[in-house]
Amino acid sequence: RVLESNGEDPHLNTIMTKAYVEGYQGDGLTNKQNIAA
């Protein structure tokens, strides 16, 4: 499952994880083209 990860560094992992959430949820779930993370 290293395949699903952002790798070995806590800083890179932290900001990449945030980017995913912001991408999925976008401007909010009232927008029906966004999904919850």
PDB file of all heavy atoms in Angstrom:
ATOM      1  N   ARG A   1       0.808  -1.219   0.000  1.00  0.00           N
ATOM      2  CA  ARG A   1       0.000   0.000   0.000  1.00  0.00           C
ATOM      3  C   ARG A   1       0.843   1.272   0.000  1.00  0.00           C
ATOM      4  O   ARG A   1       0.293   2.371   0.085  1.00  0.00           O
ATOM      5  CB  ARG A   1      -0.984  -0.024   1.179  1.00  0.00           C
ATOM      6  CG  ARG A   1      -1.916  -1.206   1.094  1.00  0.00           C
ATOM      7  CD  ARG A   1      -3.113  -1.097   1.997  1.00  0.00           C
ATOM      8  NE  ARG A   1      -4.135  -0.245   1.433  1.00  0.00           N
ATOM      9  CZ  ARG A   1      -5.409  -0.239   1.859  1.00  0.00           C
ATOM     10  NH1 ARG A   1      -5.786  -1.039   2.836  1.00  0.00           N
ATOM     11  NH2 ARG A   1      -6.289   0.564   1.320  1.00  0.00           N
ATOM     12  N   VAL A   2       2.153   1.115  -0.125  1.00  0.00           N
ATOM     13  CA  VAL A   2       2.989   2.286  -0.383  1.00  0.00           C
ATOM     14  C   VAL A   2       2.501   2.983  -1.652  1.00  0.00           C
ATOM     15  O   VAL A   2       2.645   4.198  -1.812  1.00  0.00           O
ATOM     16  CB  VAL A   2       4.476   1.888  -0.492  1.00  0.00           C
ATOM     17  CG1 VAL A   2       4.731   1.014  -1.693  1.00  0.00           C
ATOM     18  CG2 VAL A   2       5.374   3.105  -0.543  1.00  0.00           C
ATOM     19  N   LEU A   3       1.906   2.214  -2.553  1.00  0.00           N
ATOM     20  CA  LEU A   3       1.335   2.738  -3.800  1.00  0.00           C
ATOM     21  C   LEU A   3       0.346   3.864  -3.560  1.00  0.00           C
ATOM     22  O   LEU A   3       0.250   4.807  -4.347  1.00  0.00           O
ATOM     23  CB  LEU A   3       0.666   1.578  -4.537  1.00  0.00           C
ATOM     24  CG  LEU A   3      -0.218   1.801  -5.749  1.00  0.00           C
ATOM     25  CD1 LEU A   3      -0.124   0.593  -6.672  1.00  0.00           C
ATOM     26  CD2 LEU A   3      -1.688   1.991  -5.349  1.00  0.00           C
ATOM     27  N   GLU A   4      -0.427   3.775  -2.465  1.00  0.00           N
ATOM     28  CA  GLU A   4      -1.473   4.758  -2.172  1.00  0.00           C
ATOM     29  C   GLU A   4      -0.965   5.958  -1.381  1.00  0.00           C
ATOM     30  O   GLU A   4      -1.739   6.874  -1.092  1.00  0.00           O
ATOM     31  CB  GLU A   4      -2.584   4.111  -1.345  1.00  0.00           C
ATOM     32  CG  GLU A   4      -3.441   3.111  -2.065  1.00  0.00           C
ATOM     33  CD  GLU A   4      -4.497   2.549  -1.136  1.00  0.00           C
ATOM     34  OE1 GLU A   4      -5.407   3.306  -0.739  1.00  0.00           O
ATOM     35  OE2 GLU A   4      -4.407   1.361  -0.787  1.00  0.00           O
ATOM     36  N   SER A   5       0.303   5.939  -1.017  1.00  0.00           N
ATOM     37  CA  SER A   5       0.814   6.931  -0.080  1.00  0.00           C
ATOM     38  C   SER A   5       1.459   8.112  -0.779  1.00  0.00           C
ATOM     39  O   SER A   5       1.651   8.126  -1.995  1.00  0.00           O
ATOM     40  CB  SER A   5       1.838   6.276   0.857  1.00  0.00           C
ATOM     41  OG  SER A   5       3.094   6.138   0.202  1.00  0.00           O
ATOM     42  N   ASN A   6       1.835   9.094   0.034  1.00  0.00           N
ATOM     43  CA  ASN A   6       2.615  10.242  -0.430  1.00  0.00           C
ATOM     44  C   ASN A   6       4.095  10.086  -0.095  1.00  0.00           C
ATOM     45  O   ASN A   6       4.863  11.040  -0.217  1.00  0.00           O
ATOM     46  CB  ASN A   6       2.079  11.529   0.204  1.00  0.00           C
ATOM     47  CG  ASN A   6       0.668  11.833  -0.245  1.00  0.00           C
ATOM     48  OD1 ASN A   6       0.369  11.834  -1.433  1.00  0.00           O
ATOM     49  ND2 ASN A   6      -0.229  12.069   0.708  1.00  0.00           N
ATOM     50  N   GLY A   7       4.484   8.892   0.357  1.00  0.00           N
ATOM     51  CA  GLY A   7       5.895   8.631   0.571  1.00  0.00           C
ATOM     52  C   GLY A   7       6.359   8.760   2.004  1.00  0.00           C
ATOM     53  O   GLY A   7       5.592   8.601   2.953  1.00  0.00           O
ATOM     54  N   GLU A   8       7.651   9.088   2.158  1.00  0.00           N
ATOM     55  CA  GLU A   8       8.353   8.942   3.434  1.00  0.00           C
ATOM     56  C   GLU A   8       8.464  10.205   4.267  1.00  0.00           C
ATOM     57  O   GLU A   8       8.929  10.143   5.403  1.00  0.00           O
ATOM     58  CB  GLU A   8       9.761   8.407   3.173  1.00  0.00           C
ATOM     59  CG  GLU A   8      10.701   9.404   2.515  1.00  0.00           C
ATOM     60  CD  GLU A   8      12.052   8.807   2.164  1.00  0.00           C
ATOM     61  OE1 GLU A   8      12.080   7.721   1.551  1.00  0.00           O
ATOM     62  OE2 GLU A   8      13.077   9.422   2.496  1.00  0.00           O
ATOM     63  N   ASP A   9       8.058  11.351   3.733  1.00  0.00           N
ATOM     64  CA  ASP A   9       8.315  12.607   4.444  1.00  0.00           C
ATOM     65  C   ASP A   9       7.037  13.174   5.061  1.00  0.00           C
ATOM     66  O   ASP A   9       6.041  13.377   4.359  1.00  0.00           O
ATOM     67  CB  ASP A   9       8.908  13.637   3.484  1.00  0.00           C
ATOM     68  CG  ASP A   9       9.224  14.930   4.207  1.00  0.00           C
ATOM     69  OD1 ASP A   9      10.241  14.978   4.910  1.00  0.00           O
ATOM     70  OD2 ASP A   9       8.433  15.890   4.083  1.00  0.00           O
ATOM     71  N   PRO A  10       7.032  13.476   6.372  1.00  0.00           N
ATOM     72  CA  PRO A  10       5.828  13.999   7.020  1.00  0.00           C
ATOM     73  C   PRO A  10       5.334  15.321   6.432  1.00  0.00           C
ATOM     74  O   PRO A  10       4.122  15.532   6.317  1.00  0.00           O
ATOM     75  CB  PRO A  10       6.254  14.170   8.483  1.00  0.00           C
ATOM     76  CG  PRO A  10       7.377  13.213   8.667  1.00  0.00           C
ATOM     77  CD  PRO A  10       8.102  13.201   7.357  1.00  0.00           C
ATOM     78  N   HIS A  11       6.255  16.215   6.070  1.00  0.00           N
ATOM     79  CA  HIS A  11       5.840  17.517   5.539  1.00  0.00           C
ATOM     80  C   HIS A  11       5.159  17.358   4.178  1.00  0.00           C
ATOM     81  O   HIS A  11       4.064  17.893   3.951  1.00  0.00           O
ATOM     82  CB  HIS A  11       7.049  18.439   5.420  1.00  0.00           C
ATOM     83  CG  HIS A  11       6.743  19.777   4.823  1.00  0.00           C
ATOM     84  ND1 HIS A  11       5.900  20.687   5.427  1.00  0.00           N
ATOM     85  CD2 HIS A  11       7.146  20.368   3.660  1.00  0.00           C
ATOM     86  CE1 HIS A  11       5.806  21.775   4.674  1.00  0.00           C
ATOM     87  NE2 HIS A  11       6.541  21.592   3.596  1.00  0.00           N
ATOM     88  N   LEU A  12       5.772  16.616   3.283  1.00  0.00           N
ATOM     89  CA  LEU A  12       5.171  16.386   1.966  1.00  0.00           C
ATOM     90  C   LEU A  12       3.844  15.654   2.108  1.00  0.00           C
ATOM     91  O   LEU A  12       2.850  16.002   1.458  1.00  0.00           O
ATOM     92  CB  LEU A  12       6.129  15.580   1.087  1.00  0.00           C
ATOM     93  CG  LEU A  12       5.636  15.244  -0.324  1.00  0.00           C
ATOM     94  CD1 LEU A  12       5.439  16.494  -1.157  1.00  0.00           C
ATOM     95  CD2 LEU A  12       6.614  14.288  -1.019  1.00  0.00           C
ATOM     96  N   ASN A  13       3.798  14.655   2.975  1.00  0.00           N
ATOM     97  CA  ASN A  13       2.575  13.890   3.202  1.00  0.00           C
ATOM     98  C   ASN A  13       1.452  14.787   3.697  1.00  0.00           C
ATOM     99  O   ASN A  13       0.295  14.680   3.255  1.00  0.00           O
ATOM    100  CB  ASN A  13       2.850  12.781   4.221  1.00  0.00           C
ATOM    101  CG  ASN A  13       1.668  11.854   4.415  1.00  0.00           C
ATOM    102  OD1 ASN A  13       0.880  11.615   3.508  1.00  0.00           O
ATOM    103  ND2 ASN A  13       1.540  11.313   5.614  1.00  0.00           N
ATOM    104  N   THR A  14       1.779  15.699   4.592  1.00  0.00           N
ATOM    105  CA  THR A  14       0.768  16.575   5.193  1.00  0.00           C
ATOM    106  C   THR A  14       0.127  17.492   4.162  1.00  0.00           C
ATOM    107  O   THR A  14      -1.105  17.583   4.066  1.00  0.00           O
ATOM    108  CB  THR A  14       1.403  17.403   6.322  1.00  0.00           C
ATOM    109  OG1 THR A  14       1.813  16.513   7.367  1.00  0.00           O
ATOM    110  CG2 THR A  14       0.426  18.414   6.881  1.00  0.00           C
ATOM    111  N   ILE A  15       0.937  18.154   3.359  1.00  0.00           N
ATOM    112  CA  ILE A  15       0.356  19.129   2.442  1.00  0.00           C
ATOM    113  C   ILE A  15      -0.290  18.456   1.227  1.00  0.00           C
ATOM    114  O   ILE A  15      -1.257  18.981   0.674  1.00  0.00           O
ATOM    115  CB  ILE A  15       1.386  20.189   2.010  1.00  0.00           C
ATOM    116  CG1 ILE A  15       2.595  19.559   1.344  1.00  0.00           C
ATOM    117  CG2 ILE A  15       1.832  21.024   3.191  1.00  0.00           C
ATOM    118  CD1 ILE A  15       3.615  20.578   0.924  1.00  0.00           C
ATOM    119  N   MET A  16       0.198  17.279   0.843  1.00  0.00           N
ATOM    120  CA  MET A  16      -0.458  16.539  -0.233  1.00  0.00           C
ATOM    121  C   MET A  16      -1.823  16.027   0.224  1.00  0.00           C
ATOM    122  O   MET A  16      -2.803  16.070  -0.529  1.00  0.00           O
ATOM    123  CB  MET A  16       0.413  15.367  -0.683  1.00  0.00           C
ATOM    124  CG  MET A  16       1.631  15.763  -1.489  1.00  0.00           C
ATOM    125  SD  MET A  16       1.176  16.479  -3.082  1.00  0.00           S
ATOM    126  CE  MET A  16       2.783  16.747  -3.820  1.00  0.00           C
ATOM    127  N   THR A  17      -1.905  15.529   1.452  1.00  0.00           N
ATOM    128  CA  THR A  17      -3.181  15.052   1.994  1.00  0.00           C
ATOM    129  C   THR A  17      -4.218  16.166   1.993  1.00  0.00           C
ATOM    130  O   THR A  17      -5.379  15.964   1.604  1.00  0.00           O
ATOM    131  CB  THR A  17      -2.979  14.512   3.421  1.00  0.00           C
ATOM    132  OG1 THR A  17      -2.070  13.405   3.389  1.00  0.00           O
ATOM    133  CG2 THR A  17      -4.285  14.055   4.022  1.00  0.00           C
ATOM    134  N   LYS A  18      -3.812  17.334   2.402  1.00  0.00           N
ATOM    135  CA  LYS A  18      -4.712  18.488   2.391  1.00  0.00           C
ATOM    136  C   LYS A  18      -5.195  18.801   0.981  1.00  0.00           C
ATOM    137  O   LYS A  18      -6.377  19.082   0.759  1.00  0.00           O
ATOM    138  CB  LYS A  18      -3.990  19.710   2.976  1.00  0.00           C
ATOM    139  CG  LYS A  18      -4.822  20.979   2.964  1.00  0.00           C
ATOM    140  CD  LYS A  18      -4.012  22.161   3.490  1.00  0.00           C
ATOM    141  CE  LYS A  18      -4.834  23.444   3.426  1.00  0.00           C
ATOM    142  NZ  LYS A  18      -4.030  24.619   3.851  1.00  0.00           N
ATOM    143  N   ALA A  19      -4.300  18.712  -0.001  1.00  0.00           N
ATOM    144  CA  ALA A  19      -4.654  19.011  -1.388  1.00  0.00           C
ATOM    145  C   ALA A  19      -5.727  18.054  -1.903  1.00  0.00           C
ATOM    146  O   ALA A  19      -6.643  18.462  -2.642  1.00  0.00           O
ATOM    147  CB  ALA A  19      -3.409  18.954  -2.273  1.00  0.00           C
ATOM    148  N   TYR A  20      -5.633  16.779  -1.542  1.00  0.00           N
ATOM    149  CA  TYR A  20      -6.657  15.818  -1.951  1.00  0.00           C
ATOM    150  C   TYR A  20      -8.031  16.221  -1.419  1.00  0.00           C
ATOM    151  O   TYR A  20      -9.021  16.231  -2.162  1.00  0.00           O
ATOM    152  CB  TYR A  20      -6.321  14.424  -1.425  1.00  0.00           C
ATOM    153  CG  TYR A  20      -5.366  13.620  -2.273  1.00  0.00           C
ATOM    154  CD1 TYR A  20      -4.015  13.541  -1.950  1.00  0.00           C
ATOM    155  CD2 TYR A  20      -5.810  12.910  -3.383  1.00  0.00           C
ATOM    156  CE1 TYR A  20      -3.128  12.781  -2.707  1.00  0.00           C
ATOM    157  CE2 TYR A  20      -4.934  12.150  -4.144  1.00  0.00           C
ATOM    158  CZ  TYR A  20      -3.595  12.089  -3.806  1.00  0.00           C
ATOM    159  OH  TYR A  20      -2.724  11.340  -4.562  1.00  0.00           O
ATOM    160  N   VAL A  21      -8.094  16.522  -0.130  1.00  0.00           N
ATOM    161  CA  VAL A  21      -9.376  16.880   0.482  1.00  0.00           C
ATOM    162  C   VAL A  21      -9.965  18.112  -0.198  1.00  0.00           C
ATOM    163  O   VAL A  21     -11.157  18.149  -0.536  1.00  0.00           O
ATOM    164  CB  VAL A  21      -9.213  17.116   1.995  1.00  0.00           C
ATOM    165  CG1 VAL A  21     -10.524  17.618   2.605  1.00  0.00           C
ATOM    166  CG2 VAL A  21      -8.758  15.834   2.687  1.00  0.00           C
ATOM    167  N   GLU A  22      -9.140  19.108  -0.414  1.00  0.00           N
ATOM    168  CA  GLU A  22      -9.615  20.332  -1.064  1.00  0.00           C
ATOM    169  C   GLU A  22     -10.082  20.056  -2.492  1.00  0.00           C
ATOM    170  O   GLU A  22     -11.036  20.679  -2.967  1.00  0.00           O
ATOM    171  CB  GLU A  22      -8.510  21.381  -1.063  1.00  0.00           C
ATOM    172  CG  GLU A  22      -8.176  21.904   0.323  1.00  0.00           C
ATOM    173  CD  GLU A  22      -6.984  22.840   0.332  1.00  0.00           C
ATOM    174  OE1 GLU A  22      -6.218  22.865  -0.656  1.00  0.00           O
ATOM    175  OE2 GLU A  22      -6.811  23.564   1.344  1.00  0.00           O
ATOM    176  N   GLY A  23      -9.427  19.131  -3.174  1.00  0.00           N
ATOM    177  CA  GLY A  23      -9.831  18.793  -4.532  1.00  0.00           C
ATOM    178  C   GLY A  23     -11.147  18.052  -4.587  1.00  0.00           C
ATOM    179  O   GLY A  23     -12.016  18.358  -5.418  1.00  0.00           O
ATOM    180  N   TYR A  24     -11.329  17.066  -3.724  1.00  0.00           N
ATOM    181  CA  TYR A  24     -12.567  16.292  -3.717  1.00  0.00           C
ATOM    182  C   TYR A  24     -13.768  17.138  -3.296  1.00  0.00           C
ATOM    183  O   TYR A  24     -14.833  17.070  -3.904  1.00  0.00           O
ATOM    184  CB  TYR A  24     -12.459  15.106  -2.750  1.00  0.00           C
ATOM    185  CG  TYR A  24     -11.524  14.006  -3.174  1.00  0.00           C
ATOM    186  CD1 TYR A  24     -10.579  13.491  -2.273  1.00  0.00           C
ATOM    187  CD2 TYR A  24     -11.579  13.447  -4.450  1.00  0.00           C
ATOM    188  CE1 TYR A  24      -9.720  12.463  -2.642  1.00  0.00           C
ATOM    189  CE2 TYR A  24     -10.721  12.424  -4.830  1.00  0.00           C
ATOM    190  CZ  TYR A  24      -9.796  11.943  -3.919  1.00  0.00           C
ATOM    191  OH  TYR A  24      -8.947  10.930  -4.282  1.00  0.00           O
ATOM    192  N   GLN A  25     -13.596  17.911  -2.224  1.00  0.00           N
ATOM    193  CA  GLN A  25     -14.732  18.621  -1.627  1.00  0.00           C
ATOM    194  C   GLN A  25     -14.937  20.009  -2.204  1.00  0.00           C
ATOM    195  O   GLN A  25     -16.019  20.582  -2.051  1.00  0.00           O
ATOM    196  CB  GLN A  25     -14.566  18.656  -0.102  1.00  0.00           C
ATOM    197  CG  GLN A  25     -14.538  17.254   0.495  1.00  0.00           C
ATOM    198  CD  GLN A  25     -14.575  17.212   2.013  1.00  0.00           C
ATOM    199  OE1 GLN A  25     -14.724  16.155   2.589  1.00  0.00           O
ATOM    200  NE2 GLN A  25     -14.444  18.339   2.686  1.00  0.00           N
ATOM    201  N   GLY A  26     -13.932  20.550  -2.871  1.00  0.00           N
ATOM    202  CA  GLY A  26     -14.074  21.796  -3.614  1.00  0.00           C
ATOM    203  C   GLY A  26     -14.714  22.908  -2.824  1.00  0.00           C
ATOM    204  O   GLY A  26     -14.347  23.195  -1.679  1.00  0.00           O
ATOM    205  N   ASP A  27     -15.716  23.530  -3.437  1.00  0.00           N
ATOM    206  CA  ASP A  27     -16.405  24.659  -2.802  1.00  0.00           C
ATOM    207  C   ASP A  27     -17.552  24.223  -1.902  1.00  0.00           C
ATOM    208  O   ASP A  27     -18.387  25.035  -1.502  1.00  0.00           O
ATOM    209  CB  ASP A  27     -16.906  25.642  -3.860  1.00  0.00           C
ATOM    210  CG  ASP A  27     -17.766  24.962  -4.927  1.00  0.00           C
ATOM    211  OD1 ASP A  27     -17.933  23.728  -4.868  1.00  0.00           O
ATOM    212  OD2 ASP A  27     -18.263  25.671  -5.820  1.00  0.00           O
ATOM    213  N   GLY A  28     -17.609  22.944  -1.589  1.00  0.00           N
ATOM    214  CA  GLY A  28     -18.619  22.460  -0.664  1.00  0.00           C
ATOM    215  C   GLY A  28     -19.488  21.375  -1.272  1.00  0.00           C
ATOM    216  O   GLY A  28     -19.574  21.213  -2.489  1.00  0.00           O
ATOM    217  N   LEU A  29     -20.148  20.619  -0.397  1.00  0.00           N
ATOM    218  CA  LEU A  29     -20.924  19.472  -0.855  1.00  0.00           C
ATOM    219  C   LEU A  29     -22.280  19.853  -1.410  1.00  0.00           C
ATOM    220  O   LEU A  29     -22.990  18.994  -1.955  1.00  0.00           O
ATOM    221  CB  LEU A  29     -21.077  18.468   0.290  1.00  0.00           C
ATOM    222  CG  LEU A  29     -19.763  17.889   0.824  1.00  0.00           C
ATOM    223  CD1 LEU A  29     -20.030  16.847   1.902  1.00  0.00           C
ATOM    224  CD2 LEU A  29     -18.932  17.281  -0.299  1.00  0.00           C
ATOM    225  N   THR A  30     -22.666  21.119  -1.301  1.00  0.00           N
ATOM    226  CA  THR A  30     -23.896  21.552  -1.971  1.00  0.00           C
ATOM    227  C   THR A  30     -23.713  21.536  -3.482  1.00  0.00           C
ATOM    228  O   THR A  30     -24.688  21.453  -4.230  1.00  0.00           O
ATOM    229  CB  THR A  30     -24.307  22.961  -1.512  1.00  0.00           C
ATOM    230  OG1 THR A  30     -23.201  23.856  -1.708  1.00  0.00           O
ATOM    231  CG2 THR A  30     -24.703  22.962  -0.045  1.00  0.00           C
ATOM    232  N   ASN A  31     -22.459  21.625  -3.920  1.00  0.00           N
ATOM    233  CA  ASN A  31     -22.141  21.447  -5.333  1.00  0.00           C
ATOM    234  C   ASN A  31     -22.154  19.946  -5.611  1.00  0.00           C
ATOM    235  O   ASN A  31     -21.337  19.198  -5.087  1.00  0.00           O
ATOM    236  CB  ASN A  31     -20.770  22.037  -5.645  1.00  0.00           C
ATOM    237  CG  ASN A  31     -20.392  21.946  -7.107  1.00  0.00           C
ATOM    238  OD1 ASN A  31     -20.902  21.109  -7.851  1.00  0.00           O
ATOM    239  ND2 ASN A  31     -19.488  22.808  -7.541  1.00  0.00           N
ATOM    240  N   LYS A  32     -23.086  19.514  -6.447  1.00  0.00           N
ATOM    241  CA  LYS A  32     -23.297  18.084  -6.657  1.00  0.00           C
ATOM    242  C   LYS A  32     -22.196  17.417  -7.471  1.00  0.00           C
ATOM    243  O   LYS A  32     -22.218  16.197  -7.656  1.00  0.00           O
ATOM    244  CB  LYS A  32     -24.658  17.857  -7.313  1.00  0.00           C
ATOM    245  CG  LYS A  32     -25.819  18.283  -6.415  1.00  0.00           C
ATOM    246  CD  LYS A  32     -27.167  18.153  -7.100  1.00  0.00           C
ATOM    247  CE  LYS A  32     -28.282  18.646  -6.183  1.00  0.00           C
ATOM    248  NZ  LYS A  32     -29.609  18.561  -6.828  1.00  0.00           N
ATOM    249  N   GLN A  33     -21.216  18.189  -7.938  1.00  0.00           N
ATOM    250  CA  GLN A  33     -20.070  17.603  -8.621  1.00  0.00           C
ATOM    251  C   GLN A  33     -18.887  17.404  -7.681  1.00  0.00           C
ATOM    252  O   GLN A  33     -17.833  16.936  -8.114  1.00  0.00           O
ATOM    253  CB  GLN A  33     -19.664  18.479  -9.809  1.00  0.00           C
ATOM    254  CG  GLN A  33     -20.686  18.457 -10.945  1.00  0.00           C
ATOM    255  CD  GLN A  33     -20.185  19.182 -12.171  1.00  0.00           C
ATOM    256  OE1 GLN A  33     -19.691  20.307 -12.078  1.00  0.00           O
ATOM    257  NE2 GLN A  33     -20.307  18.563 -13.331  1.00  0.00           N
ATOM    258  N   ASN A  34     -19.066  17.738  -6.420  1.00  0.00           N
ATOM    259  CA  ASN A  34     -18.054  17.475  -5.398  1.00  0.00           C
ATOM    260  C   ASN A  34     -18.471  16.263  -4.577  1.00  0.00           C
ATOM    261  O   ASN A  34     -19.662  15.952  -4.466  1.00  0.00           O
ATOM    262  CB  ASN A  34     -17.880  18.674  -4.472  1.00  0.00           C
ATOM    263  CG  ASN A  34     -17.355  19.899  -5.201  1.00  0.00           C
ATOM    264  OD1 ASN A  34     -16.660  19.779  -6.204  1.00  0.00           O
ATOM    265  ND2 ASN A  34     -17.678  21.086  -4.710  1.00  0.00           N
ATOM    266  N   ILE A  35     -17.501  15.578  -4.001  1.00  0.00           N
ATOM    267  CA  ILE A  35     -17.787  14.439  -3.140  1.00  0.00           C
ATOM    268  C   ILE A  35     -17.029  14.594  -1.825  1.00  0.00           C
ATOM    269  O   ILE A  35     -16.045  15.323  -1.745  1.00  0.00           O
ATOM    270  CB  ILE A  35     -17.416  13.100  -3.813  1.00  0.00           C
ATOM    271  CG1 ILE A  35     -15.925  13.035  -4.174  1.00  0.00           C
ATOM    272  CG2 ILE A  35     -18.275  12.871  -5.053  1.00  0.00           C
ATOM    273  CD1 ILE A  35     -15.506  11.714  -4.807  1.00  0.00           C
ATOM    274  N   ALA A  36     -17.514  13.894  -0.802  1.00  0.00           N
ATOM    275  CA  ALA A  36     -16.899  13.982   0.523  1.00  0.00           C
ATOM    276  C   ALA A  36     -15.663  13.090   0.589  1.00  0.00           C
ATOM    277  O   ALA A  36     -15.622  12.017  -0.004  1.00  0.00           O
ATOM    278  CB  ALA A  36     -17.901  13.577   1.597  1.00  0.00           C
ATOM    279  N   ALA A  37     -14.666  13.550   1.334  1.00  0.00           N
ATOM    280  CA  ALA A  37     -13.421  12.803   1.502  1.00  0.00           C
ATOM    281  C   ALA A  37     -13.442  12.042   2.818  1.00  0.00           C
ATOM    282  O   ALA A  37     -13.827  12.578   3.860  1.00  0.00           O
ATOM    283  CB  ALA A  37     -12.225  13.749   1.472  1.00  0.00           C
TER     284      ALA A  37
END
